[in-house]
């Protein structure tokens, strides 16, 4: 009866072994094959007589002595009496590459020692192919994220940053690989802004739930500086649950700088157009006034010559003549401003032009309590201008500076050039009260003045502006404040032919 039961048990075990879905072998501890199931025989297209009694390394690797793989798991199975697996790449007789997951499971005897080992073989070639494909996709996605010129940041539900590409690291100053602490989105935004962004993401009003269309916010970089950015963001869902967030952003500083330059340029164009229109109007008014004004002066002088010695009447005539002459001076300024006077240019050194202009100031008493400082470059700085017109420019700037300082302070003249830009510069700096910000955009407008009535016509700086534009230059307020004002006059540099050739040769040698 016992023999019959043992026989049935052995038969039952053999059937169980054959019914395994994976190809399998039964090995002795010395690696000798004692059995192979049907799936194994079918996989390799052999009969049991071709495998029984052979060692596993003889069958699989045609090695008579030892297993060619140093990391064979069989010794560990024998040593630790527990299962072990290994992934191996094999090449079939047809040259096809396969991947196999081999699992070694010990069969223990009554004393707990390994009596047999079951080696099962699972073909994981398709799995490895999918892993390789997914790895390629992950690598491509990583490269795509890292190569983006836009900053990309992704964070988990707790706000811990999981992904930060190079563009984001450069903008924020943080480095994910070197950061000593877990970086969170709270580190990137001003206080309360991260929560406000999440509030918008969960709202339907900013692009739909889970999306945030392009919006302008500020980042806080590693140095604590606020950086304006353009942000788009989204919530990442899994099974309807929020699992992460991501944001894509761009630095707005270059764009804002371009907009500021464009605004400044448009303002200059509008100002030039306004000045041109006012110049035409001023020219027409000046010509209309000039004829009757000439008659008033002529007849007033004739009347003065023929009048008796009545001092009261003579004084009245003098007042008429002085006021008429003042009007004539205004007309002259109007014609200069409107560029209706003849321009005669000559080549002159900017330093010589400055000295010439200062010597023309009749009332030298203006400088009694003023320290005049000259910081003049020794470089060759020639300009081709109308000397008389430019002298009027310098005199006007000096008189304005003296008035701003209430006739006491320091008046500084600086000259220099930009060789590459072919520009010559003259700065006139005072230590006066400065120009109010609300007046800064109007100082070159005709008839605009902050002086008391009767003390200024408002044509000084507008005339200066017109003359400099006529001489292909530019004038601007370099700086102004409670410590004074600096006007910057910019003129094109006149290049002698020999100098130009020398500079060209020098550039070639470099």
Protein backbone atom coordinates (compact mmCIF):
# COMPACT_ATOMS: atom_id res chain seq x y z
CA UNK A 1 0.00 0.00 0.00
CA UNK A 2 2.87 2.37 0.86
CA UNK A 3 4.60 1.59 -2.42
CA UNK A 4 1.40 2.35 -4.28
CA UNK A 5 0.96 5.68 -2.43
CA UNK A 6 4.56 6.65 -3.07
CA UNK A 7 4.17 5.83 -6.73
CA UNK A 8 1.01 7.92 -6.98
CA UNK A 9 2.67 10.80 -5.15
CA UNK A 10 5.66 10.70 -7.48
CA UNK A 11 3.34 10.62 -10.49
CA UNK A 12 1.34 13.53 -9.09
CA UNK A 13 4.49 15.57 -8.52
CA UNK A 14 5.68 14.83 -12.05
CA UNK A 15 2.37 16.03 -13.44
CA UNK A 16 2.53 19.21 -11.39
CA UNK A 17 6.05 19.80 -12.67
CA UNK A 18 4.98 19.23 -16.26
CA UNK A 19 2.00 21.54 -15.87
CA UNK A 20 4.17 24.55 -15.01
CA UNK A 21 3.59 27.30 -17.57
CA UNK A 22 7.30 28.16 -17.68
CA UNK A 23 10.08 25.96 -19.02
CA UNK A 24 11.76 24.35 -15.99
CA UNK A 25 14.56 21.98 -14.99
CA UNK A 26 15.26 20.02 -11.82
CA UNK A 27 18.93 20.05 -10.89
CA UNK A 28 21.00 18.26 -8.31
CA UNK A 29 23.28 20.39 -6.14
CA UNK A 30 26.13 19.32 -8.46
CA UNK A 31 24.19 20.90 -11.38
CA UNK A 32 23.27 17.58 -12.99
CA UNK A 33 19.88 17.73 -14.72
CA UNK A 34 17.48 15.08 -13.43
CA UNK A 35 14.27 16.25 -15.09
CA UNK A 36 12.84 18.76 -17.60
CA UNK A 37 9.18 19.63 -18.02
CA UNK A 38 7.26 19.52 -21.26
CA UNK A 39 7.46 23.30 -21.82
CA UNK A 40 11.25 23.15 -21.53
CA UNK A 41 11.52 20.27 -24.00
CA UNK A 42 9.16 22.06 -26.37
CA UNK A 43 11.04 25.37 -26.06
CA UNK A 44 14.37 23.76 -27.02
CA UNK A 45 12.94 21.10 -29.35
CA UNK A 46 14.63 18.15 -27.67
CA UNK A 47 13.74 14.91 -25.91
CA UNK A 48 14.53 14.02 -22.30
CA UNK A 49 17.25 11.59 -23.36
CA UNK A 50 19.19 14.54 -24.81
CA UNK A 51 19.34 16.44 -21.55
CA UNK A 52 19.07 14.12 -18.57
CA UNK A 53 22.39 13.48 -16.88
CA UNK A 54 24.06 16.57 -18.35
CA UNK A 55 25.01 19.60 -16.28
CA UNK A 56 23.22 22.86 -16.79
CA UNK A 57 26.37 24.69 -17.89
CA UNK A 58 27.11 21.87 -20.34
CA UNK A 59 23.64 22.14 -21.88
CA UNK A 60 23.29 25.92 -21.93
CA UNK A 61 26.88 27.04 -22.48
CA UNK A 62 28.70 23.97 -23.79
CA UNK A 63 31.11 24.24 -20.86
CA UNK A 64 32.18 20.84 -19.48
CA UNK A 65 33.74 22.06 -16.23
CA UNK A 66 32.24 25.22 -14.79
CA UNK A 67 29.56 27.80 -15.43
CA UNK A 68 31.01 30.63 -17.55
CA UNK A 69 29.06 33.24 -15.59
CA UNK A 70 30.81 34.50 -12.46
CA UNK A 71 27.53 35.64 -10.93
CA UNK A 72 25.76 32.27 -11.25
CA UNK A 73 23.12 32.24 -8.47
CA UNK A 74 23.31 28.50 -7.80
CA UNK A 75 26.09 28.71 -5.13
CA UNK A 76 24.07 31.33 -3.23
CA UNK A 77 20.96 29.14 -3.36
CA UNK A 78 22.94 26.26 -1.91
CA UNK A 79 24.59 28.43 0.70
CA UNK A 80 21.52 30.30 1.94
CA UNK A 81 18.80 27.70 1.20
CA UNK A 82 16.59 30.27 -0.46
CA UNK A 83 15.55 31.21 -3.98
CA UNK A 84 17.43 33.59 -6.22
CA UNK A 85 16.98 34.96 -9.73
CA UNK A 86 19.14 36.43 -12.45
CA UNK A 87 18.50 38.28 -15.72
CA UNK A 88 20.57 37.08 -18.65
CA UNK A 89 20.97 38.05 -22.26
CA UNK A 90 21.32 35.05 -24.56
CA UNK A 91 21.83 34.62 -28.27
CA UNK A 92 19.89 31.90 -30.08
CA UNK A 93 21.52 29.65 -32.71
CA UNK A 94 19.91 31.89 -35.35
CA UNK A 95 21.70 34.93 -33.90
CA UNK A 96 18.59 36.43 -32.33
CA UNK A 97 19.12 38.22 -29.01
CA UNK A 98 16.84 37.17 -26.15
CA UNK A 99 16.45 38.14 -22.51
CA UNK A 100 15.64 35.47 -19.91
CA UNK A 101 14.69 35.78 -16.27
CA UNK A 102 15.97 32.61 -14.56
CA UNK A 103 14.62 31.74 -11.13
CA UNK A 104 16.38 29.15 -8.94
CA UNK A 105 14.14 27.68 -6.19
CA UNK A 106 15.54 25.12 -3.67
CA UNK A 107 13.76 21.86 -2.73
CA UNK A 108 14.76 21.01 0.83
CA UNK A 109 14.93 17.55 2.46
CA UNK A 110 13.77 16.66 5.97
CA UNK A 111 16.97 18.10 7.45
CA UNK A 112 16.51 21.45 5.71
CA UNK A 113 19.30 20.92 3.25
CA UNK A 114 19.02 21.53 -0.48
CA UNK A 115 18.31 18.27 -2.23
CA UNK A 116 17.21 19.60 -5.62
CA UNK A 117 16.89 23.00 -7.36
CA UNK A 118 14.13 23.97 -9.75
CA UNK A 119 15.38 26.34 -12.48
CA UNK A 120 12.52 28.06 -14.33
CA UNK A 121 13.05 30.20 -17.37
CA UNK A 122 10.86 33.15 -18.33
CA UNK A 123 11.32 34.94 -21.66
CA UNK A 124 11.30 38.69 -20.91
CA UNK A 125 12.53 39.87 -24.30
CA UNK A 126 9.36 41.87 -24.99
CA UNK A 127 9.47 43.39 -21.51
CA UNK A 128 13.09 44.42 -22.01
CA UNK A 129 12.22 45.87 -25.41
CA UNK A 130 9.44 47.93 -23.82
CA UNK A 131 11.78 49.00 -21.02
CA UNK A 132 14.36 50.07 -23.60
CA UNK A 133 11.72 51.98 -25.54
CA UNK A 134 10.43 53.64 -22.37
CA UNK A 135 13.98 54.44 -21.33
CA UNK A 136 14.54 56.08 -24.72
CA UNK A 137 11.32 58.06 -24.34
CA UNK A 138 12.34 59.13 -20.82
CA UNK A 139 15.79 60.15 -22.05
CA UNK A 140 14.30 62.07 -24.98
CA UNK A 141 11.77 63.76 -22.70
CA UNK A 142 14.54 64.69 -20.27
CA UNK A 143 16.64 66.16 -23.09
CA UNK A 144 13.59 68.00 -24.40
CA UNK A 145 12.89 69.52 -20.98
CA UNK A 146 16.54 70.38 -20.34
CA UNK A 147 17.08 71.95 -23.76
CA UNK A 148 14.03 74.20 -23.51
CA UNK A 149 14.84 77.91 -23.39
CA UNK A 150 11.80 78.36 -21.17
CA UNK A 151 12.07 77.52 -17.48
CA UNK A 152 10.21 74.34 -16.51
CA UNK A 153 9.42 73.34 -12.92
CA UNK A 154 7.34 70.41 -11.64
CA UNK A 155 6.38 69.79 -8.01
CA UNK A 156 4.44 67.18 -6.03
CA UNK A 157 1.27 67.83 -4.03
CA UNK A 158 3.28 69.05 -1.05
CA UNK A 159 5.08 71.60 -3.23
CA UNK A 160 8.43 69.79 -3.25
CA UNK A 161 10.17 70.45 -6.56
CA UNK A 162 10.80 67.26 -8.54
CA UNK A 163 12.00 68.69 -11.87
CA UNK A 164 13.82 71.93 -12.63
CA UNK A 165 15.45 72.32 -16.02
CA UNK A 166 18.65 74.25 -16.77
CA UNK A 167 16.81 77.38 -17.89
CA UNK A 168 14.92 77.45 -14.58
CA UNK A 169 18.12 76.90 -12.61
CA UNK A 170 19.87 79.74 -14.44
CA UNK A 171 16.96 82.10 -13.86
CA UNK A 172 16.37 81.26 -10.20
CA UNK A 173 19.99 80.65 -9.20
CA UNK A 174 19.05 77.31 -7.57
CA UNK A 175 20.65 74.00 -8.56
CA UNK A 176 18.68 70.81 -7.94
CA UNK A 177 21.84 68.69 -7.95
CA UNK A 178 23.69 70.82 -5.40
CA UNK A 179 20.90 72.13 -3.22
CA UNK A 180 21.46 71.18 0.40
CA UNK A 181 17.75 71.18 1.23
CA UNK A 182 14.52 70.14 -0.39
CA UNK A 183 13.48 73.01 -2.64
CA UNK A 184 9.78 73.90 -2.69
CA UNK A 185 7.67 76.21 -4.80
CA UNK A 186 7.33 78.49 -1.75
CA UNK A 187 11.02 79.31 -2.21
CA UNK A 188 10.36 80.63 -5.73
CA UNK A 189 7.52 83.10 -5.14
CA UNK A 190 6.86 86.12 -2.94
CA UNK A 191 4.84 85.35 0.16
CA UNK A 192 1.31 84.18 -0.66
CA UNK A 193 1.86 84.04 -4.45
CA UNK A 194 2.20 80.22 -4.64
CA UNK A 195 -1.17 79.79 -2.92
CA UNK A 196 -2.70 82.42 -5.19
CA UNK A 197 -1.47 80.50 -8.27
CA UNK A 198 -3.00 77.25 -6.93
CA UNK A 199 -6.24 79.12 -6.29
CA UNK A 200 -6.27 80.28 -9.92
CA UNK A 201 -5.42 76.79 -11.17
CA UNK A 202 -8.47 75.36 -9.40
CA UNK A 203 -10.70 78.14 -10.75
CA UNK A 204 -12.55 78.16 -14.05
CA UNK A 205 -11.78 81.85 -14.62
CA UNK A 206 -8.13 81.66 -15.76
CA UNK A 207 -8.19 79.04 -18.52
CA UNK A 208 -10.33 76.30 -16.99
CA UNK A 209 -9.90 74.05 -13.98
CA UNK A 210 -6.37 72.69 -13.84
CA UNK A 211 -4.96 75.26 -16.26
CA UNK A 212 -3.51 78.73 -15.92
CA UNK A 213 -3.10 80.73 -19.10
CA UNK A 214 -0.19 83.11 -19.55
CA UNK A 215 0.00 85.49 -16.61
CA UNK A 216 2.62 87.85 -15.24
CA UNK A 217 4.03 87.20 -11.78
CA UNK A 218 7.34 87.66 -9.98
CA UNK A 219 9.91 85.02 -9.05
CA UNK A 220 12.30 85.27 -6.11
CA UNK A 221 15.77 84.06 -7.08
CA UNK A 222 18.39 82.57 -4.77
CA UNK A 223 19.74 86.07 -4.03
CA UNK A 224 16.33 87.33 -2.93
CA UNK A 225 15.79 89.46 -6.05
CA UNK A 226 12.35 89.70 -7.67
CA UNK A 227 12.29 88.75 -11.36
CA UNK A 228 9.24 89.45 -13.56
CA UNK A 229 8.18 86.34 -15.48
CA UNK A 230 5.41 85.19 -17.82
CA UNK A 231 3.94 81.97 -16.40
CA UNK A 232 1.68 79.22 -17.70
CA UNK A 233 0.86 76.36 -15.33
CA UNK A 234 -1.19 73.17 -15.04
CA UNK A 235 -2.26 70.57 -12.49
CA UNK A 236 -1.32 66.96 -13.26
CA UNK A 237 -4.11 64.49 -12.42
CA UNK A 238 -4.06 60.73 -11.88
CA UNK A 239 -7.36 58.96 -11.51
CA UNK A 240 -9.07 62.29 -10.99
CA UNK A 241 -6.76 63.19 -8.09
CA UNK A 242 -4.20 66.01 -8.05
CA UNK A 243 -0.73 64.45 -7.95
CA UNK A 244 1.56 67.25 -9.14
CA UNK A 245 1.80 70.70 -10.69
CA UNK A 246 4.01 72.09 -13.43
CA UNK A 247 4.87 75.55 -14.64
CA UNK A 248 6.54 76.93 -17.76
CA UNK A 249 7.88 80.47 -17.56
CA UNK A 250 9.99 83.04 -19.40
CA UNK A 251 12.10 85.91 -18.11
CA UNK A 252 10.31 89.17 -18.94
CA UNK A 253 13.28 91.46 -18.26
CA UNK A 254 14.57 91.55 -21.88
CA UNK A 255 11.04 92.11 -23.19
CA UNK A 256 10.35 94.88 -20.67
CA UNK A 257 13.69 96.51 -21.52
CA UNK A 258 12.79 96.43 -25.23
CA UNK A 259 9.37 97.92 -24.47
CA UNK A 260 11.00 100.66 -22.43
CA UNK A 261 13.43 101.43 -25.26
CA UNK A 262 10.56 101.43 -27.74
CA UNK A 263 8.49 103.75 -25.54
CA UNK A 264 11.47 106.08 -25.19
CA UNK A 265 12.06 106.01 -28.94
CA UNK A 266 8.40 106.71 -29.73
CA UNK A 267 8.43 109.56 -27.23
CA UNK A 268 11.50 111.01 -28.96
CA UNK A 269 9.84 110.66 -32.37
CA UNK A 270 6.66 112.32 -31.09
CA UNK A 271 8.73 115.07 -29.49
CA UNK A 272 10.67 115.63 -32.73
CA UNK A 273 7.45 115.82 -34.71
CA UNK A 274 5.99 118.26 -32.21
CA UNK A 275 9.11 120.39 -32.29
CA UNK A 276 9.12 120.38 -36.10
CA UNK A 277 5.49 121.54 -36.19
CA UNK A 278 6.16 124.23 -33.62
CA UNK A 279 9.25 125.26 -35.60
CA UNK A 280 7.16 125.86 -38.70
CA UNK A 281 4.65 127.83 -36.64
CA UNK A 282 7.44 129.84 -34.98
CA UNK A 283 9.00 130.67 -38.37
CA UNK A 284 5.70 131.95 -39.70
CA UNK A 285 5.02 134.05 -36.59
CA UNK A 286 8.57 135.44 -36.64
CA UNK A 287 8.35 136.53 -40.27
CA UNK A 288 4.95 138.16 -39.68
CA UNK A 289 6.21 140.06 -36.62
CA UNK A 290 9.56 141.02 -38.09
CA UNK A 291 8.22 143.54 -40.66
CA UNK A 292 6.08 145.70 -38.31
CA UNK A 293 8.75 145.40 -35.63
CA UNK A 294 11.35 146.81 -38.01
CA UNK A 295 9.03 149.75 -38.72
CA UNK A 296 8.51 150.41 -34.99
CA UNK A 297 12.26 150.53 -34.37
CA UNK A 298 12.88 152.73 -37.42
CA UNK A 299 10.26 155.33 -36.58
CA UNK A 300 11.04 155.28 -32.86
CA UNK A 301 14.71 156.04 -33.56
CA UNK A 302 13.76 158.79 -36.05
CA UNK A 303 11.43 160.29 -33.45
CA UNK A 304 14.19 160.11 -30.84
CA UNK A 305 16.57 162.07 -33.09
CA UNK A 306 14.06 164.80 -33.87
CA UNK A 307 12.68 165.19 -30.32
CA UNK A 308 13.46 168.12 -28.09
CA UNK A 309 15.15 167.76 -24.77
CA UNK A 310 12.03 166.73 -22.84
CA UNK A 311 13.55 163.98 -20.65
CA UNK A 312 10.21 162.35 -19.81
CA UNK A 313 9.26 161.82 -23.44
CA UNK A 314 12.77 160.68 -24.36
CA UNK A 315 12.63 158.09 -21.59
CA UNK A 316 9.34 156.84 -22.90
CA UNK A 317 10.83 156.49 -26.39
CA UNK A 318 13.82 154.64 -24.91
CA UNK A 319 11.43 152.24 -23.22
CA UNK A 320 9.66 151.68 -26.56
CA UNK A 321 12.96 151.06 -28.35
CA UNK A 322 14.22 148.68 -25.60
CA UNK A 323 10.98 146.66 -25.65
CA UNK A 324 11.02 146.56 -29.44
CA UNK A 325 14.63 145.36 -29.40
CA UNK A 326 13.66 142.70 -26.86
CA UNK A 327 10.93 141.60 -29.24
CA UNK A 328 13.46 141.58 -32.07
CA UNK A 329 15.70 139.31 -30.00
CA UNK A 330 12.74 136.96 -29.43
CA UNK A 331 12.07 136.93 -33.16
CA UNK A 332 15.73 136.12 -33.78
CA UNK A 333 15.49 133.23 -31.32
CA UNK A 334 12.34 132.02 -33.02
CA UNK A 335 14.08 132.00 -36.39
CA UNK A 336 17.03 130.16 -34.88
CA UNK A 337 14.73 127.64 -33.23
CA UNK A 338 12.87 127.06 -36.47
CA UNK A 339 16.22 126.76 -38.29
CA UNK A 340 15.38 129.55 -40.68
CA UNK A 341 18.81 131.17 -40.38
CA UNK A 342 21.71 130.33 -42.67
CA UNK A 343 24.06 127.65 -41.34
CA UNK A 344 27.77 127.94 -42.04
CA UNK A 345 29.76 124.98 -40.76
CA UNK A 346 33.44 124.65 -40.00
CA UNK A 347 35.64 122.00 -38.45
CA UNK A 348 36.68 122.85 -34.89
CA UNK A 349 37.98 121.04 -31.82
CA UNK A 350 35.28 120.68 -29.18
CA UNK A 351 37.61 122.12 -26.50
CA UNK A 352 38.31 125.18 -28.67
CA UNK A 353 34.58 125.62 -29.27
CA UNK A 354 33.99 125.60 -25.51
CA UNK A 355 36.71 128.20 -24.84
CA UNK A 356 35.47 130.38 -27.69
CA UNK A 357 31.91 130.27 -26.36
CA UNK A 358 32.88 131.10 -22.77
CA UNK A 359 34.85 134.13 -23.95
CA UNK A 360 31.71 135.46 -25.65
CA UNK A 361 29.86 135.78 -22.35
CA UNK A 362 29.89 139.53 -21.81
CA UNK A 363 29.01 139.62 -18.15
CA UNK A 364 31.91 137.79 -16.54
CA UNK A 365 30.55 138.78 -13.15
CA UNK A 366 28.33 135.72 -13.47
CA UNK A 367 31.33 133.61 -12.44
CA UNK A 368 32.47 135.60 -9.38
CA UNK A 369 31.14 133.01 -6.87
CA UNK A 370 31.28 130.02 -9.20
CA UNK A 371 34.10 127.51 -9.42
CA UNK A 372 34.62 126.53 -13.03
CA UNK A 373 36.06 123.03 -13.46
CA UNK A 374 37.23 121.75 -16.85
CA UNK A 375 37.70 118.01 -17.28
CA UNK A 376 38.65 118.04 -20.95
CA UNK A 377 40.05 115.11 -22.88
CA UNK A 378 43.32 115.58 -24.80
CA UNK A 379 42.13 113.34 -27.65
CA UNK A 380 41.52 114.63 -31.16
CA UNK A 381 37.81 115.53 -31.01
CA UNK A 382 36.87 117.46 -34.13
CA UNK A 383 33.30 118.41 -34.95
CA UNK A 384 31.85 120.03 -38.05
CA UNK A 385 29.29 122.56 -36.83
CA UNK A 386 28.10 126.14 -37.15
CA UNK A 387 30.42 127.72 -34.60
CA UNK A 388 28.16 130.69 -33.87
CA UNK A 389 25.08 128.53 -33.42
CA UNK A 390 26.91 126.08 -31.14
CA UNK A 391 28.32 128.98 -29.13
CA UNK A 392 24.75 130.08 -28.52
CA UNK A 393 24.00 126.54 -27.29
CA UNK A 394 26.88 126.56 -24.79
CA UNK A 395 26.09 130.10 -23.57
CA UNK A 396 22.43 129.18 -23.02
CA UNK A 397 23.43 126.06 -21.05
CA UNK A 398 25.88 128.10 -18.95
CA UNK A 399 23.35 130.83 -18.16
CA UNK A 400 20.73 128.24 -17.20
CA UNK A 401 23.26 126.49 -14.96
CA UNK A 402 24.25 129.76 -13.28
CA UNK A 403 20.59 130.61 -12.65
CA UNK A 404 19.95 127.10 -11.24
CA UNK A 405 22.83 127.60 -8.77
CA UNK A 406 21.68 131.11 -7.84
CA UNK A 407 25.10 132.32 -9.04
CA UNK A 408 27.14 130.26 -6.57
CA UNK A 409 28.40 126.69 -6.78
CA UNK A 410 30.49 124.57 -9.13
CA UNK A 411 30.14 124.51 -12.90
CA UNK A 412 31.87 121.53 -14.56
CA UNK A 413 32.63 121.00 -18.23
CA UNK A 414 33.64 117.56 -19.52
CA UNK A 415 34.62 116.51 -23.01
CA UNK A 416 35.33 113.00 -24.29
CA UNK A 417 34.65 110.81 -27.29
CA UNK A 418 33.53 107.33 -28.25
CA UNK A 419 35.91 106.27 -30.98
CA UNK A 420 33.90 103.23 -32.04
CA UNK A 421 30.60 105.11 -32.21
CA UNK A 422 32.34 108.15 -33.78
CA UNK A 423 30.73 110.51 -31.28
CA UNK A 424 32.04 113.54 -29.36
CA UNK A 425 30.44 114.49 -26.05
CA UNK A 426 30.21 117.67 -24.02
CA UNK A 427 28.78 117.64 -20.49
CA UNK A 428 27.69 120.78 -18.65
CA UNK A 429 27.11 119.98 -14.98
CA UNK A 430 25.94 122.32 -12.21
CA UNK A 431 25.37 121.96 -8.47
CA UNK A 432 21.99 123.64 -8.54
CA UNK A 433 18.53 122.64 -7.40
CA UNK A 434 17.88 120.14 -10.21
CA UNK A 435 14.87 119.74 -12.48
CA UNK A 436 11.54 118.56 -11.11
CA UNK A 437 10.53 115.18 -12.53
CA UNK A 438 7.19 116.52 -13.71
CA UNK A 439 9.02 119.15 -15.82
CA UNK A 440 11.69 116.86 -17.24
CA UNK A 441 9.71 115.90 -20.35
CA UNK A 442 8.84 119.53 -21.16
CA UNK A 443 12.13 121.40 -20.75
CA UNK A 444 12.81 121.52 -24.51
CA UNK A 445 9.28 122.69 -25.38
CA UNK A 446 9.02 126.23 -26.77
CA UNK A 447 7.83 128.92 -24.32
CA UNK A 448 8.02 126.52 -21.36
CA UNK A 449 9.81 128.14 -18.43
CA UNK A 450 9.85 127.83 -14.65
CA UNK A 451 11.25 131.34 -14.24
CA UNK A 452 9.22 134.26 -12.98
CA UNK A 453 7.26 136.32 -15.57
CA UNK A 454 9.54 138.72 -17.39
CA UNK A 455 12.71 136.76 -16.53
CA UNK A 456 12.55 134.15 -19.27
CA UNK A 457 10.91 133.61 -22.65
CA UNK A 458 11.00 129.81 -22.57
CA UNK A 459 12.91 129.75 -25.85
CA UNK A 460 16.40 129.07 -24.46
CA UNK A 461 16.42 125.28 -24.28
CA UNK A 462 14.07 124.89 -27.23
CA UNK A 463 16.49 126.97 -29.30
CA UNK A 464 19.36 124.83 -28.01
CA UNK A 465 17.45 121.72 -29.05
CA UNK A 466 16.77 123.10 -32.54
CA UNK A 467 20.39 124.14 -33.11
CA UNK A 468 21.82 120.80 -32.00
CA UNK A 469 19.39 118.87 -34.18
CA UNK A 470 20.33 121.16 -37.09
CA UNK A 471 23.96 120.17 -36.48
CA UNK A 472 23.06 116.43 -36.50
CA UNK A 473 23.52 116.09 -32.76
CA UNK A 474 21.44 115.30 -29.71
CA UNK A 475 20.96 116.78 -26.25
CA UNK A 476 19.58 115.12 -23.14
CA UNK A 477 19.56 115.38 -19.36
CA UNK A 478 22.11 112.81 -18.23
CA UNK A 479 21.16 113.14 -14.58
CA UNK A 480 19.34 115.55 -12.29
CA UNK A 481 18.51 115.76 -8.63
CA UNK A 482 18.91 117.83 -5.49
CA UNK A 483 22.70 117.88 -6.04
CA UNK A 484 22.52 119.34 -9.53
CA UNK A 485 21.90 118.68 -13.20
CA UNK A 486 24.10 117.43 -16.02
CA UNK A 487 23.23 118.17 -19.65
CA UNK A 488 24.83 115.90 -22.27
CA UNK A 489 25.49 117.25 -25.78
CA UNK A 490 26.31 114.60 -28.39
CA UNK A 491 27.80 115.49 -31.78
CA UNK A 492 29.10 113.37 -34.66
CA UNK A 493 32.88 113.18 -34.76
CA UNK A 494 34.56 114.64 -37.83
CA UNK A 495 37.02 112.12 -39.23
CA UNK A 496 40.04 113.29 -41.20
CA UNK A 497 40.70 110.98 -44.15
CA UNK A 498 44.17 110.11 -42.89
CA UNK A 499 42.82 109.26 -39.42
CA UNK A 500 40.14 107.05 -40.95
CA UNK A 501 42.73 105.16 -43.01
CA UNK A 502 44.97 104.72 -39.96
CA UNK A 503 42.09 103.39 -37.88
CA UNK A 504 41.06 101.01 -40.66
CA UNK A 505 44.62 99.71 -40.92
CA UNK A 506 44.75 99.31 -37.14
CA UNK A 507 41.54 97.29 -37.18
CA UNK A 508 42.98 95.01 -39.87
CA UNK A 509 46.13 94.38 -37.82
CA UNK A 510 44.01 93.42 -34.82
